[in-house]
Amino acid sequence: MRQRFLLPAVLLFAACASETPYDPLDDYEEVDAVTILDAPSPSPGRFAPGERDAVVRGEYLVELLGCGACHTPGALDGQPDMSRSLAGSGTGIAWSNPLGTERPGIVYPPNITPDEDTGIGGWTDRQIAEAIRAGLGRHGGRRIMTMPWQGYARLSDDDVTAMVAYLRTLDPVRHRVPAPVEPGQVARDPFVYFGVYRRR
C-alpha cells in the first residue's frame, strides 16, 4: 500500500523540479536610464539682474542633484527629450514592490517648469521649497512617493531659494503627466522599478 502512494509523490516532485521557476523579472526589461543631464539655461527675460547669482546657483544645484533624470520626458527610458527638459515624465516610477505584486503603486514625475496649467507656475515659492526639502505635494498633503527629499532635507535656505528662483526662470512647457496609480490598479502608461527595469 505504501508503494502505491510513493510513486505519485515521486512523479509530482519530478514534474515540479522540471518546471522553470518563476522569475518576477521576466515581466520587465532592463533600461539604461540617463542619470546626468544638463539643466536647461534660464531664460534671460525671466529674472532681474540682481537675481543672477541666485539663479546661476539654482541651475547648478538642479543639475547636481539630478532633477532632470526623473523630471525630463524619456530620461527614465534612456532617451531624454531635451526640448522638454524638466517638463515631467510619461514613464512612471513604481513606489511599491512590483516584484511582489503585479500592480504596484506608481507615480509619474511632475512637470517642474513654470507652466500655469501643467507645471508649477501656480505654486507659491514656499510650496516649491516644501516639495524639494520635504517631499510635500502642492497642498501640503502626503509626501510625494519616490521624491528623494530625505537627501535634500538639509539643504540650506539659500540653496532652496536659489533652486526655486532658477525654476521660475525656465520657459514654461505645457506637458501633463499621467495621474498616479494606486497599488492594485492597472497602469496604462509605462513605468520603471529602481530606474532600471521597465514593465514590458
C-alpha atoms as a PDB file:
ATOM      1  CA  MET A   1       0.000   0.000   0.000  1.00  0.00           C
ATOM      2  CA  ARG A   2       2.862   2.333   0.888  1.00  0.00           C
ATOM      3  CA  GLN A   3       4.434   1.895  -2.574  1.00  0.00           C
ATOM      4  CA  ARG A   4       1.168   2.948  -4.208  1.00  0.00           C
ATOM      5  CA  PHE A   5       1.385   6.392  -2.574  1.00  0.00           C
ATOM      6  CA  LEU A   6       5.127   6.745  -3.032  1.00  0.00           C
ATOM      7  CA  LEU A   7       5.056   6.579  -6.847  1.00  0.00           C
ATOM      8  CA  PRO A   8       2.593   9.512  -7.380  1.00  0.00           C
ATOM      9  CA  ALA A   9       4.605  11.589  -4.896  1.00  0.00           C
ATOM     10  CA  VAL A  10       7.830  10.916  -6.808  1.00  0.00           C
ATOM     11  CA  LEU A  11       6.155  11.760 -10.136  1.00  0.00           C
ATOM     12  CA  LEU A  12       4.732  15.007  -8.704  1.00  0.00           C
ATOM     13  CA  PHE A  13       8.136  16.031  -7.349  1.00  0.00           C
ATOM     14  CA  ALA A  14       9.801  15.250 -10.696  1.00  0.00           C
ATOM     15  CA  ALA A  15       7.212  17.343 -12.561  1.00  0.00           C
ATOM     16  CA  CYS A  16       7.730  20.297 -10.220  1.00  0.00           C
ATOM     17  CA  ALA A  17      11.503  20.019 -10.444  1.00  0.00           C
ATOM     18  CA  SER A  18      11.440  20.121 -14.247  1.00  0.00           C
ATOM     19  CA  GLU A  19       9.365  23.345 -14.398  1.00  0.00           C
ATOM     20  CA  THR A  20      11.292  26.592 -14.740  1.00  0.00           C
ATOM     21  CA  PRO A  21      10.982  28.570 -11.505  1.00  0.00           C
ATOM     22  CA  TYR A  22       9.068  31.860 -11.752  1.00  0.00           C
ATOM     23  CA  ASP A  23      11.322  34.858 -12.172  1.00  0.00           C
ATOM     24  CA  PRO A  24       9.469  38.123 -11.467  1.00  0.00           C
ATOM     25  CA  LEU A  25      11.886  39.985 -13.739  1.00  0.00           C
ATOM     26  CA  ASP A  26      10.519  38.056 -16.735  1.00  0.00           C
ATOM     27  CA  ASP A  27       7.826  40.759 -16.910  1.00  0.00           C
ATOM     28  CA  TYR A  28      10.449  43.526 -17.087  1.00  0.00           C
ATOM     29  CA  GLU A  29      13.215  44.650 -19.413  1.00  0.00           C
ATOM     30  CA  GLU A  30      16.365  46.469 -18.414  1.00  0.00           C
ATOM     31  CA  VAL A  31      16.628  50.097 -19.444  1.00  0.00           C
ATOM     32  CA  ASP A  32      19.631  52.372 -19.457  1.00  0.00           C
ATOM     33  CA  ALA A  33      18.201  55.381 -17.664  1.00  0.00           C
ATOM     34  CA  VAL A  34      20.003  58.683 -18.078  1.00  0.00           C
ATOM     35  CA  THR A  35      21.199  59.915 -14.698  1.00  0.00           C
ATOM     36  CA  ILE A  36      23.207  63.008 -15.620  1.00  0.00           C
ATOM     37  CA  LEU A  37      21.542  65.736 -17.649  1.00  0.00           C
ATOM     38  CA  ASP A  38      22.415  69.346 -18.273  1.00  0.00           C
ATOM     39  CA  ALA A  39      19.905  71.676 -16.673  1.00  0.00           C
ATOM     40  CA  PRO A  40      18.231  73.972 -19.204  1.00  0.00           C
ATOM     41  CA  SER A  41      19.531  77.520 -19.327  1.00  0.00           C
ATOM     42  CA  PRO A  42      17.448  80.161 -17.574  1.00  0.00           C
ATOM     43  CA  SER A  43      15.512  82.491 -19.828  1.00  0.00           C
ATOM     44  CA  PRO A  44      17.248  85.913 -19.577  1.00  0.00           C
ATOM     45  CA  GLY A  45      13.999  87.891 -19.622  1.00  0.00           C
ATOM     46  CA  ARG A  46      12.540  85.990 -16.685  1.00  0.00           C
ATOM     47  CA  PHE A  47      14.764  87.355 -13.885  1.00  0.00           C
ATOM     48  CA  ALA A  48      16.177  90.682 -12.744  1.00  0.00           C
ATOM     49  CA  PRO A  49      19.925  91.396 -12.994  1.00  0.00           C
ATOM     50  CA  GLY A  50      20.207  91.328  -9.188  1.00  0.00           C
ATOM     51  CA  GLU A  51      18.906  87.742  -9.126  1.00  0.00           C
ATOM     52  CA  ARG A  52      21.557  86.406 -11.487  1.00  0.00           C
ATOM     53  CA  ASP A  53      23.824  84.869  -8.837  1.00  0.00           C
ATOM     54  CA  ALA A  54      20.943  83.031  -7.143  1.00  0.00           C
ATOM     55  CA  VAL A  55      19.611  81.764 -10.482  1.00  0.00           C
ATOM     56  CA  VAL A  56      23.037  80.501 -11.592  1.00  0.00           C
ATOM     57  CA  ARG A  57      23.464  78.732  -8.231  1.00  0.00           C
ATOM     58  CA  GLY A  58      19.970  77.244  -8.567  1.00  0.00           C
ATOM     59  CA  GLU A  59      20.789  75.933 -12.044  1.00  0.00           C
ATOM     60  CA  TYR A  60      23.966  74.344 -10.674  1.00  0.00           C
ATOM     61  CA  LEU A  61      22.060  72.661  -7.817  1.00  0.00           C
ATOM     62  CA  VAL A  62      19.229  71.368 -10.031  1.00  0.00           C
ATOM     63  CA  GLU A  63      21.822  69.821 -12.325  1.00  0.00           C
ATOM     64  CA  LEU A  64      23.982  68.491  -9.461  1.00  0.00           C
ATOM     65  CA  LEU A  65      21.005  66.879  -7.693  1.00  0.00           C
ATOM     66  CA  GLY A  66      19.929  65.157 -10.909  1.00  0.00           C
ATOM     67  CA  CYS A  67      16.407  66.602 -11.074  1.00  0.00           C
ATOM     68  CA  GLY A  68      16.307  66.151 -14.854  1.00  0.00           C
ATOM     69  CA  ALA A  69      16.911  62.398 -14.589  1.00  0.00           C
ATOM     70  CA  CYS A  70      13.338  61.914 -13.356  1.00  0.00           C
ATOM     71  CA  HIS A  71      11.540  65.087 -14.454  1.00  0.00           C
ATOM     72  CA  THR A  72      12.594  65.072 -18.139  1.00  0.00           C
ATOM     73  CA  PRO A  73      10.466  63.106 -20.632  1.00  0.00           C
ATOM     74  CA  GLY A  74      12.275  59.991 -21.845  1.00  0.00           C
ATOM     75  CA  ALA A  75      15.151  60.162 -19.330  1.00  0.00           C
ATOM     76  CA  LEU A  76      13.901  57.143 -17.373  1.00  0.00           C
ATOM     77  CA  ASP A  77      13.838  55.206 -20.669  1.00  0.00           C
ATOM     78  CA  GLY A  78      17.333  56.309 -21.683  1.00  0.00           C
ATOM     79  CA  GLN A  79      16.134  58.731 -24.379  1.00  0.00           C
ATOM     80  CA  PRO A  80      15.686  62.187 -22.822  1.00  0.00           C
ATOM     81  CA  ASP A  81      13.762  64.787 -24.795  1.00  0.00           C
ATOM     82  CA  MET A  82      15.886  67.842 -24.013  1.00  0.00           C
ATOM     83  CA  SER A  83      13.449  70.132 -25.823  1.00  0.00           C
ATOM     84  CA  ARG A  84      11.097  69.453 -22.878  1.00  0.00           C
ATOM     85  CA  SER A  85      13.695  69.330 -20.100  1.00  0.00           C
ATOM     86  CA  LEU A  86      12.134  69.227 -16.600  1.00  0.00           C
ATOM     87  CA  ALA A  87       8.611  69.079 -18.099  1.00  0.00           C
ATOM     88  CA  GLY A  88       7.647  65.816 -16.348  1.00  0.00           C
ATOM     89  CA  SER A  89       7.793  62.168 -17.310  1.00  0.00           C
ATOM     90  CA  GLY A  90       5.253  59.968 -19.073  1.00  0.00           C
ATOM     91  CA  THR A  91       7.160  56.988 -17.664  1.00  0.00           C
ATOM     92  CA  GLY A  92       6.384  56.415 -14.015  1.00  0.00           C
ATOM     93  CA  ILE A  93       8.347  55.063 -11.075  1.00  0.00           C
ATOM     94  CA  ALA A  94       6.952  52.173  -9.036  1.00  0.00           C
ATOM     95  CA  TRP A  95       6.948  53.031  -5.340  1.00  0.00           C
ATOM     96  CA  SER A  96       5.579  49.765  -4.013  1.00  0.00           C
ATOM     97  CA  ASN A  97       7.292  46.476  -4.784  1.00  0.00           C
ATOM     98  CA  PRO A  98       6.338  45.398  -8.328  1.00  0.00           C
ATOM     99  CA  LEU A  99       8.294  42.197  -7.867  1.00  0.00           C
ATOM    100  CA  GLY A 100       5.955  41.244  -5.045  1.00  0.00           C
ATOM    101  CA  THR A 101       2.728  42.308  -6.738  1.00  0.00           C
ATOM    102  CA  GLU A 102       1.648  42.516 -10.346  1.00  0.00           C
ATOM    103  CA  ARG A 103       0.151  46.003  -9.889  1.00  0.00           C
ATOM    104  CA  PRO A 104       2.419  48.311  -7.863  1.00  0.00           C
ATOM    105  CA  GLY A 105       1.735  51.909  -6.906  1.00  0.00           C
ATOM    106  CA  ILE A 106       3.255  54.291  -9.450  1.00  0.00           C
ATOM    107  CA  VAL A 107       3.981  57.998  -9.511  1.00  0.00           C
ATOM    108  CA  TYR A 108       4.799  59.997 -12.644  1.00  0.00           C
ATOM    109  CA  PRO A 109       7.426  62.705 -12.004  1.00  0.00           C
ATOM    110  CA  PRO A 110       5.650  66.034 -12.488  1.00  0.00           C
ATOM    111  CA  ASN A 111       6.333  68.976 -14.737  1.00  0.00           C
ATOM    112  CA  ILE A 112       8.523  71.414 -12.788  1.00  0.00           C
ATOM    113  CA  THR A 113       8.628  74.168 -15.406  1.00  0.00           C
ATOM    114  CA  PRO A 114       6.565  77.284 -14.617  1.00  0.00           C
ATOM    115  CA  ASP A 115       3.638  76.335 -16.864  1.00  0.00           C
ATOM    116  CA  GLU A 116       0.477  77.616 -15.143  1.00  0.00           C
ATOM    117  CA  ASP A 117      -1.705  74.665 -16.076  1.00  0.00           C
ATOM    118  CA  THR A 118       0.540  71.586 -16.120  1.00  0.00           C
ATOM    119  CA  GLY A 119       3.602  72.717 -14.155  1.00  0.00           C
ATOM    120  CA  ILE A 120       4.476  74.711 -11.042  1.00  0.00           C
ATOM    121  CA  GLY A 121       3.501  78.127 -12.406  1.00  0.00           C
ATOM    122  CA  GLY A 122       0.624  78.377  -9.932  1.00  0.00           C
ATOM    123  CA  TRP A 123       2.665  77.199  -6.946  1.00  0.00           C
ATOM    124  CA  THR A 124       3.992  79.596  -4.311  1.00  0.00           C
ATOM    125  CA  ASP A 125       7.714  79.728  -3.569  1.00  0.00           C
ATOM    126  CA  ARG A 126       7.002  78.065  -0.233  1.00  0.00           C
ATOM    127  CA  GLN A 127       5.106  75.179  -1.875  1.00  0.00           C
ATOM    128  CA  ILE A 128       8.001  74.547  -4.266  1.00  0.00           C
ATOM    129  CA  ALA A 129      10.502  74.718  -1.400  1.00  0.00           C
ATOM    130  CA  GLU A 130       8.456  72.203   0.644  1.00  0.00           C
ATOM    131  CA  ALA A 131       8.280  69.839  -2.335  1.00  0.00           C
ATOM    132  CA  ILE A 132      12.081  69.951  -2.645  1.00  0.00           C
ATOM    133  CA  ARG A 133      13.002  69.776   1.021  1.00  0.00           C
ATOM    134  CA  ALA A 134      10.142  67.725   2.496  1.00  0.00           C
ATOM    135  CA  GLY A 135       8.616  65.933  -0.499  1.00  0.00           C
ATOM    136  CA  LEU A 136       5.214  67.529   0.164  1.00  0.00           C
ATOM    137  CA  GLY A 137       2.637  67.960  -2.593  1.00  0.00           C
ATOM    138  CA  ARG A 138       1.272  71.372  -3.516  1.00  0.00           C
ATOM    139  CA  HIS A 139      -1.340  71.442  -0.770  1.00  0.00           C
ATOM    140  CA  GLY A 140       0.910  70.033   1.913  1.00  0.00           C
ATOM    141  CA  GLY A 141      -0.749  66.622   1.841  1.00  0.00           C
ATOM    142  CA  ARG A 142       1.050  63.335   1.783  1.00  0.00           C
ATOM    143  CA  ARG A 143       4.638  63.047   0.741  1.00  0.00           C
ATOM    144  CA  ILE A 144       5.466  62.627  -2.927  1.00  0.00           C
ATOM    145  CA  MET A 145       6.409  58.989  -3.426  1.00  0.00           C
ATOM    146  CA  THR A 146       9.898  58.414  -4.896  1.00  0.00           C
ATOM    147  CA  MET A 147      10.926  62.063  -4.405  1.00  0.00           C
ATOM    148  CA  PRO A 148      14.342  61.773  -2.697  1.00  0.00           C
ATOM    149  CA  TRP A 149      13.509  64.576  -0.262  1.00  0.00           C
ATOM    150  CA  GLN A 150      15.409  62.902   2.572  1.00  0.00           C
ATOM    151  CA  GLY A 151      18.614  63.702   0.707  1.00  0.00           C
ATOM    152  CA  TYR A 152      17.522  67.321   0.231  1.00  0.00           C
ATOM    153  CA  ALA A 153      16.099  67.944   3.723  1.00  0.00           C
ATOM    154  CA  ARG A 154      19.316  69.555   4.932  1.00  0.00           C
ATOM    155  CA  LEU A 155      19.764  71.932   2.029  1.00  0.00           C
ATOM    156  CA  SER A 156      20.296  75.453   3.312  1.00  0.00           C
ATOM    157  CA  ASP A 157      17.556  78.054   2.966  1.00  0.00           C
ATOM    158  CA  ASP A 158      19.775  79.906   0.478  1.00  0.00           C
ATOM    159  CA  ASP A 159      20.189  76.782  -1.656  1.00  0.00           C
ATOM    160  CA  VAL A 160      16.463  76.038  -1.762  1.00  0.00           C
ATOM    161  CA  THR A 161      15.683  79.689  -2.500  1.00  0.00           C
ATOM    162  CA  ALA A 162      18.190  79.583  -5.377  1.00  0.00           C
ATOM    163  CA  MET A 163      16.593  76.419  -6.803  1.00  0.00           C
ATOM    164  CA  VAL A 164      13.134  78.000  -6.645  1.00  0.00           C
ATOM    165  CA  ALA A 165      14.445  81.181  -8.298  1.00  0.00           C
ATOM    166  CA  TYR A 166      16.022  79.127 -11.076  1.00  0.00           C
ATOM    167  CA  LEU A 167      12.895  77.037 -11.735  1.00  0.00           C
ATOM    168  CA  ARG A 168      10.916  80.282 -12.046  1.00  0.00           C
ATOM    169  CA  THR A 169      13.230  81.421 -14.873  1.00  0.00           C
ATOM    170  CA  LEU A 170      12.607  78.439 -17.146  1.00  0.00           C
ATOM    171  CA  ASP A 171      10.456  78.755 -20.228  1.00  0.00           C
ATOM    172  CA  PRO A 172       7.107  77.160 -19.376  1.00  0.00           C
ATOM    173  CA  VAL A 173       6.487  73.855 -21.151  1.00  0.00           C
ATOM    174  CA  ARG A 174       2.919  72.611 -21.399  1.00  0.00           C
ATOM    175  CA  HIS A 175       3.084  68.884 -20.648  1.00  0.00           C
ATOM    176  CA  ARG A 176       0.643  66.972 -18.468  1.00  0.00           C
ATOM    177  CA  VAL A 177       1.890  63.717 -16.941  1.00  0.00           C
ATOM    178  CA  PRO A 178      -0.335  60.725 -16.150  1.00  0.00           C
ATOM    179  CA  ALA A 179      -2.102  60.602 -12.795  1.00  0.00           C
ATOM    180  CA  PRO A 180      -0.573  58.474 -10.015  1.00  0.00           C
ATOM    181  CA  VAL A 181      -1.623  54.827  -9.868  1.00  0.00           C
ATOM    182  CA  GLU A 182      -2.565  53.311  -6.517  1.00  0.00           C
ATOM    183  CA  PRO A 183      -1.363  49.795  -5.666  1.00  0.00           C
ATOM    184  CA  GLY A 184      -3.693  47.210  -7.180  1.00  0.00           C
ATOM    185  CA  GLN A 185      -4.835  49.483 -10.026  1.00  0.00           C
ATOM    186  CA  VAL A 186      -3.898  48.892 -13.654  1.00  0.00           C
ATOM    187  CA  ALA A 187      -1.188  51.204 -15.024  1.00  0.00           C
ATOM    188  CA  ARG A 188      -1.997  52.337 -18.547  1.00  0.00           C
ATOM    189  CA  ASP A 189       1.355  54.070 -19.021  1.00  0.00           C
ATOM    190  CA  PRO A 190       4.890  52.617 -18.766  1.00  0.00           C
ATOM    191  CA  PHE A 191       6.807  52.588 -15.508  1.00  0.00           C
ATOM    192  CA  VAL A 192      10.209  51.594 -14.178  1.00  0.00           C
ATOM    193  CA  TYR A 193      11.384  49.949 -10.984  1.00  0.00           C
ATOM    194  CA  PHE A 194      14.556  51.290  -9.345  1.00  0.00           C
ATOM    195  CA  GLY A 195      15.078  53.226 -12.581  1.00  0.00           C
ATOM    196  CA  VAL A 196      16.500  50.035 -14.116  1.00  0.00           C
ATOM    197  CA  TYR A 197      13.617  47.732 -15.025  1.00  0.00           C
ATOM    198  CA  ARG A 198      10.672  48.788 -17.184  1.00  0.00           C
ATOM    199  CA  ARG A 199       7.429  46.808 -17.249  1.00  0.00           C
ATOM    200  CA  ARG A 200       7.081  45.050 -20.616  1.00  0.00           C
END
